[in-house]
């Protein structure tokens, strides 16, 4: 059974019933944002969580140990090369003592749940891929949200996914999708995908109340937070880049986990690097909202 090792700060916070926000580590590794933006993201997201009154807790597998909460001295370790870990990979990474396994959404949510942490902040979710009716390609993130009692805060899902089917999957799985002061499901770099969310919330107390009143204690809640307006990218420009990149994926035989980094790299090139500060802005904003929700849950 998964038993993550907690930092002394996270362990103390949980013992004192103080708010904690779990974080992934993929975005901060070489698999996520390029250097030095990855270090900037880690600093900004951690600072936003602390400013909101909560304790930041980065998840990772280091030297074969599932961890939640890292010391400042260990931050350097997660900024470099890594092996990506989804929830299914966690027991393998531990058994094989991987030096650094960077946790995705599904792995981070499972580690948070195992540690008793109720809130997790990320950038964007994986979801149902376009053409999944043929390939069956559905991110493990969605099932993790459905199976673990954690509030996940994200900027929706990445725009190159099949967003209508992603929302349908979440509905079928029984995951409440809450729009944070917004009526539309965000598409990561853009504030709206054109798809409405089922419920809008205006305050963290509403999220805490939703979480506390779920009929299932093994299921989670998704809070979707649109990217700040000043950081939003042009939707038409993104659509053209995504369509071309997905076509190139098919021609090159790129599928599964390889699609996301390929498409995101194309977006970064096409936007002349503007996608990086946009990613930073949405991640920091999500962290701040997650802290607000964690404080509300801890005080409920």
Protein backbone atom coordinates (compact mmCIF):
# COMPACT_ATOMS: atom_id res chain seq x y z
CA UNK A 1 0.00 0.00 0.00
CA UNK A 2 1.33 3.43 -0.94
CA UNK A 3 2.72 5.30 2.06
CA UNK A 4 4.46 8.51 1.03
CA UNK A 5 7.19 9.99 3.18
CA UNK A 6 6.24 13.48 4.31
CA UNK A 7 8.54 16.40 4.95
CA UNK A 8 8.62 17.61 8.55
CA UNK A 9 6.77 20.78 7.51
CA UNK A 10 3.96 18.87 5.78
CA UNK A 11 3.74 16.30 8.58
CA UNK A 12 3.52 19.06 11.17
CA UNK A 13 0.87 20.95 9.21
CA UNK A 14 -1.31 17.86 8.87
CA UNK A 15 -0.92 17.03 12.56
CA UNK A 16 -2.03 20.57 13.42
CA UNK A 17 -4.86 20.45 10.85
CA UNK A 18 -3.32 23.33 8.92
CA UNK A 19 -3.93 23.63 5.15
CA UNK A 20 -1.59 21.89 2.69
CA UNK A 21 -1.60 22.06 -1.12
CA UNK A 22 -0.04 19.19 -3.04
CA UNK A 23 1.85 19.96 -6.26
CA UNK A 24 3.06 17.84 -9.14
CA UNK A 25 6.72 17.73 -10.17
CA UNK A 26 6.51 17.08 -13.93
CA UNK A 27 6.04 20.77 -14.74
CA UNK A 28 9.25 21.64 -12.86
CA UNK A 29 11.38 18.92 -14.45
CA UNK A 30 12.92 18.87 -17.94
CA UNK A 31 9.66 17.20 -19.05
CA UNK A 32 7.72 20.36 -18.30
CA UNK A 33 8.81 23.96 -18.62
CA UNK A 34 12.23 24.81 -20.08
CA UNK A 35 14.99 26.09 -17.82
CA UNK A 36 15.02 28.61 -16.14
CA UNK A 37 11.21 28.94 -16.40
CA UNK A 38 10.77 25.68 -14.49
CA UNK A 39 12.64 27.04 -11.47
CA UNK A 40 10.66 30.27 -11.72
CA UNK A 41 7.42 28.29 -11.77
CA UNK A 42 8.38 26.30 -8.67
CA UNK A 43 9.29 29.48 -6.79
CA UNK A 44 6.18 31.38 -7.88
CA UNK A 45 3.72 28.55 -7.22
CA UNK A 46 5.23 27.78 -3.81
CA UNK A 47 5.17 31.48 -2.88
CA UNK A 48 1.54 31.83 -3.99
CA UNK A 49 0.51 28.91 -1.80
CA UNK A 50 2.36 30.30 1.22
CA UNK A 51 0.91 33.77 0.62
CA UNK A 52 -2.54 32.17 0.69
CA UNK A 53 -1.91 30.66 4.11
CA UNK A 54 -1.13 27.06 3.13
CA UNK A 55 1.93 24.82 2.99
CA UNK A 56 3.21 23.82 -0.48
CA UNK A 57 3.97 20.11 -0.86
CA UNK A 58 5.70 18.95 -4.04
CA UNK A 59 5.21 15.27 -4.86
CA UNK A 60 7.90 13.12 -6.46
CA UNK A 61 9.70 9.81 -6.24
CA UNK A 62 13.30 10.36 -5.14
CA UNK A 63 15.68 7.43 -4.78
CA UNK A 64 12.77 5.01 -4.84
CA UNK A 65 10.77 6.79 -2.16
CA UNK A 66 7.38 8.43 -2.76
CA UNK A 67 7.65 11.90 -1.25
CA UNK A 68 5.26 14.70 -0.42
CA UNK A 69 6.94 17.92 0.56
CA UNK A 70 10.56 18.70 -0.28
CA UNK A 71 13.13 20.88 1.45
CA UNK A 72 14.53 23.90 -0.37
CA UNK A 73 17.80 22.04 -0.72
CA UNK A 74 16.02 19.26 -2.64
CA UNK A 75 14.35 21.58 -5.14
CA UNK A 76 17.39 21.49 -7.40
CA UNK A 77 16.92 17.75 -7.84
CA UNK A 78 13.52 18.10 -9.48
CA UNK A 79 14.55 20.76 -12.00
CA UNK A 80 16.53 18.40 -14.21
CA UNK A 81 16.14 15.10 -16.08
CA UNK A 82 13.36 12.84 -14.89
CA UNK A 83 11.28 9.81 -15.72
CA UNK A 84 7.58 10.60 -15.92
CA UNK A 85 5.36 8.80 -13.43
CA UNK A 86 1.63 8.26 -13.77
CA UNK A 87 -0.26 6.52 -10.97
CA UNK A 88 0.25 3.11 -12.58
CA UNK A 89 4.05 3.67 -12.55
CA UNK A 90 4.35 4.53 -8.86
CA UNK A 91 4.83 0.97 -7.54
CA UNK A 92 7.39 0.25 -10.28
CA UNK A 93 9.34 3.44 -9.57
CA UNK A 94 9.46 2.55 -5.88
CA UNK A 95 10.36 -1.10 -6.43
CA UNK A 96 13.09 -0.23 -8.96
CA UNK A 97 14.30 2.72 -6.88
CA UNK A 98 14.13 5.36 -9.61
CA UNK A 99 16.44 8.27 -8.89
CA UNK A 100 13.85 10.89 -9.83
CA UNK A 101 10.35 10.14 -10.97
CA UNK A 102 8.38 13.27 -11.88
CA UNK A 103 4.75 12.90 -10.89
CA UNK A 104 1.92 13.64 -13.30
CA UNK A 105 -1.59 14.59 -12.18
CA UNK A 106 -2.69 11.00 -11.57
CA UNK A 107 0.38 10.13 -9.50
CA UNK A 108 0.25 13.40 -7.55
CA UNK A 109 -3.44 12.99 -6.70
CA UNK A 110 -2.86 9.43 -5.47
CA UNK A 111 0.09 10.52 -3.31
CA UNK A 112 -1.92 13.43 -1.90
CA UNK A 113 -4.84 11.14 -1.05
CA UNK A 114 -2.57 8.58 0.59
CA UNK A 115 -1.09 11.34 2.76
CA UNK A 116 -4.46 12.81 3.71
CA UNK A 117 -3.97 16.05 1.76
CA UNK A 118 -7.26 17.36 0.36
CA UNK A 119 -6.17 19.88 -2.28
CA UNK A 120 -3.91 19.56 -5.31
CA UNK A 121 -2.84 22.31 -7.72
CA UNK A 122 -1.68 21.71 -11.28
CA UNK A 123 -1.53 23.48 -14.63
CA UNK A 124 -3.83 21.53 -16.93
CA UNK A 125 -5.33 18.05 -17.00
CA UNK A 126 -4.91 15.24 -19.42
CA UNK A 127 -8.16 13.96 -20.87
CA UNK A 128 -9.78 12.09 -23.72
CA UNK A 129 -7.59 12.38 -26.81
CA UNK A 130 -9.03 13.13 -30.21
CA UNK A 131 -9.67 9.85 -32.00
CA UNK A 132 -10.02 7.98 -28.70
CA UNK A 133 -13.02 6.13 -30.14
CA UNK A 134 -10.41 4.28 -32.25
CA UNK A 135 -7.26 4.39 -30.11
CA UNK A 136 -8.83 4.22 -26.64
CA UNK A 137 -6.38 6.93 -25.55
CA UNK A 138 -7.75 8.41 -22.33
CA UNK A 139 -5.48 10.00 -19.74
CA UNK A 140 -5.19 8.30 -16.37
CA UNK A 141 -5.74 11.75 -14.84
CA UNK A 142 -9.50 11.41 -15.23
CA UNK A 143 -9.82 8.12 -13.37
CA UNK A 144 -7.51 9.43 -10.64
CA UNK A 145 -9.83 12.39 -10.10
CA UNK A 146 -12.77 10.00 -9.86
CA UNK A 147 -11.12 7.57 -7.43
CA UNK A 148 -9.32 9.81 -4.93
CA UNK A 149 -10.95 12.17 -2.43
CA UNK A 150 -9.01 15.28 -3.45
CA UNK A 151 -9.95 18.68 -4.85
CA UNK A 152 -7.93 19.28 -8.02
CA UNK A 153 -7.45 22.86 -9.20
CA UNK A 154 -6.51 23.27 -12.86
CA UNK A 155 -6.87 25.54 -15.89
CA UNK A 156 -9.18 23.00 -17.49
CA UNK A 157 -7.59 20.61 -19.97
CA UNK A 158 -5.22 21.08 -22.85
CA UNK A 159 -6.89 22.39 -26.01
CA UNK A 160 -5.61 19.63 -28.30
CA UNK A 161 -7.72 17.07 -26.44
CA UNK A 162 -11.32 16.11 -27.20
CA UNK A 163 -12.79 18.47 -24.63
CA UNK A 164 -16.48 17.56 -25.06
CA UNK A 165 -15.66 13.90 -24.46
CA UNK A 166 -13.38 14.81 -21.57
CA UNK A 167 -16.25 16.59 -19.84
CA UNK A 168 -18.59 13.71 -20.64
CA UNK A 169 -16.09 11.25 -19.13
CA UNK A 170 -15.89 13.31 -15.93
CA UNK A 171 -19.69 13.43 -15.72
CA UNK A 172 -19.96 9.66 -16.18
CA UNK A 173 -17.29 9.13 -13.52
CA UNK A 174 -19.22 11.31 -11.08
CA UNK A 175 -16.65 14.11 -10.74
CA UNK A 176 -18.25 17.49 -9.96
CA UNK A 177 -16.75 20.12 -12.29
CA UNK A 178 -16.86 23.60 -10.77
CA UNK A 179 -16.07 26.78 -12.68
CA UNK A 180 -14.13 29.22 -10.48
CA UNK A 181 -16.02 32.50 -10.96
CA UNK A 182 -16.48 31.46 -14.59
CA UNK A 183 -19.19 29.71 -16.61
CA UNK A 184 -17.00 27.99 -19.20
CA UNK A 185 -14.58 25.09 -19.20
CA UNK A 186 -11.10 26.59 -19.76
CA UNK A 187 -8.76 25.24 -22.43
CA UNK A 188 -5.44 25.85 -20.70
CA UNK A 189 -3.99 28.77 -22.70
CA UNK A 190 -7.45 30.21 -23.37
CA UNK A 191 -10.14 31.15 -20.87
CA UNK A 192 -12.98 29.32 -22.59
CA UNK A 193 -13.35 26.21 -24.72
CA UNK A 194 -16.92 27.25 -25.55
CA UNK A 195 -18.18 24.39 -23.37
CA UNK A 196 -20.18 25.30 -20.24
CA UNK A 197 -19.32 23.88 -16.85
CA UNK A 198 -22.10 22.27 -14.85
CA UNK A 199 -21.69 24.53 -11.82
CA UNK A 200 -20.17 27.92 -11.09
CA UNK A 201 -18.70 28.79 -7.69
CA UNK A 202 -17.79 32.23 -6.39
CA UNK A 203 -15.97 31.38 -3.17
CA UNK A 204 -13.70 28.78 -1.63
CA UNK A 205 -16.35 28.02 0.99
CA UNK A 206 -18.61 26.67 -1.78
CA UNK A 207 -15.86 24.32 -2.93
CA UNK A 208 -15.26 23.18 0.65
CA UNK A 209 -18.97 22.58 1.10
CA UNK A 210 -19.19 20.58 -2.12
CA UNK A 211 -16.20 18.47 -1.07
CA UNK A 212 -17.63 17.84 2.40
CA UNK A 213 -21.05 16.81 1.11
CA UNK A 214 -20.06 14.30 -1.55
CA UNK A 215 -21.95 11.04 -1.31
CA UNK A 216 -18.79 9.15 -2.22
CA UNK A 217 -15.76 9.49 0.02
CA UNK A 218 -13.51 7.95 -2.62
CA UNK A 219 -14.19 10.54 -5.32
CA UNK A 220 -12.78 13.96 -6.06
CA UNK A 221 -13.80 17.41 -7.23
CA UNK A 222 -12.40 19.39 -10.16
CA UNK A 223 -12.19 23.17 -9.91
CA UNK A 224 -11.46 24.82 -13.25
CA UNK A 225 -9.77 28.22 -13.12
CA UNK A 226 -9.41 30.25 -16.33
CA UNK A 227 -5.98 31.65 -17.20
CA UNK A 228 -5.68 35.35 -16.20
CA UNK A 229 -6.97 37.53 -19.02
CA UNK A 230 -3.66 39.34 -19.51
CA UNK A 231 -1.87 36.03 -20.14
CA UNK A 232 -4.44 34.44 -22.49
CA UNK A 233 -3.23 33.40 -25.95
CA UNK A 234 -5.14 33.82 -29.20
CA UNK A 235 -7.56 30.90 -29.69
CA UNK A 236 -7.58 31.02 -33.50
CA UNK A 237 -3.79 30.97 -33.65
CA UNK A 238 -3.66 28.03 -31.26
CA UNK A 239 -6.28 26.05 -33.19
CA UNK A 240 -4.26 26.30 -36.39
CA UNK A 241 -1.04 25.21 -34.67
CA UNK A 242 -2.75 22.33 -32.88
CA UNK A 243 -4.42 21.01 -36.02
CA UNK A 244 -1.10 21.04 -37.88
CA UNK A 245 0.76 19.44 -34.96
CA UNK A 246 -1.79 16.66 -34.53
CA UNK A 247 -1.57 15.92 -38.26
CA UNK A 248 2.20 15.67 -37.97
CA UNK A 249 1.79 13.31 -35.00
CA UNK A 250 -0.25 10.94 -37.14
CA UNK A 251 2.28 11.05 -39.99
CA UNK A 252 5.20 10.45 -37.63
CA UNK A 253 3.42 7.70 -35.70
CA UNK A 254 3.55 9.66 -32.44
CA UNK A 255 0.85 8.55 -30.03
CA UNK A 256 0.02 8.10 -26.37
CA UNK A 257 2.26 9.94 -23.92
CA UNK A 258 4.36 11.33 -26.77
CA UNK A 259 1.57 13.54 -28.13
CA UNK A 260 1.48 16.09 -25.31
CA UNK A 261 5.16 17.16 -25.31
CA UNK A 262 5.20 17.20 -29.13
CA UNK A 263 2.18 19.47 -29.42
CA UNK A 264 3.27 21.75 -26.57
CA UNK A 265 6.69 22.18 -28.20
CA UNK A 266 5.00 23.16 -31.46
CA UNK A 267 2.85 25.69 -29.62
CA UNK A 268 5.92 27.20 -27.93
CA UNK A 269 7.65 27.58 -31.29
CA UNK A 270 4.62 28.98 -33.10
CA UNK A 271 3.92 31.54 -30.37
CA UNK A 272 7.58 32.55 -30.24
CA UNK A 273 7.81 31.53 -26.61
CA UNK A 274 4.65 33.34 -25.47
CA UNK A 275 3.21 30.04 -24.26
CA UNK A 276 5.85 29.83 -21.50
CA UNK A 277 4.86 33.00 -19.59
CA UNK A 278 1.22 32.01 -20.16
CA UNK A 279 1.92 28.63 -18.54
CA UNK A 280 3.67 30.34 -15.63
CA UNK A 281 0.76 32.73 -15.11
CA UNK A 282 -1.91 30.02 -15.06
CA UNK A 283 0.11 27.72 -12.80
CA UNK A 284 0.71 30.51 -10.28
CA UNK A 285 -2.94 31.54 -10.42
CA UNK A 286 -4.10 27.96 -9.86
CA UNK A 287 -1.74 27.66 -6.87
CA UNK A 288 -3.23 30.79 -5.29
CA UNK A 289 -6.80 29.53 -5.76
CA UNK A 290 -5.83 26.10 -4.39
CA UNK A 291 -4.42 27.72 -1.24
CA UNK A 292 -7.67 29.62 -0.73
CA UNK A 293 -9.65 26.39 -1.05
CA UNK A 294 -7.29 24.48 1.27
CA UNK A 295 -7.71 27.17 3.93
CA UNK A 296 -11.50 26.93 3.60
CA UNK A 297 -11.46 23.12 3.90
CA UNK A 298 -9.15 23.23 6.92
CA UNK A 299 -11.45 25.71 8.63
CA UNK A 300 -14.68 23.92 7.82
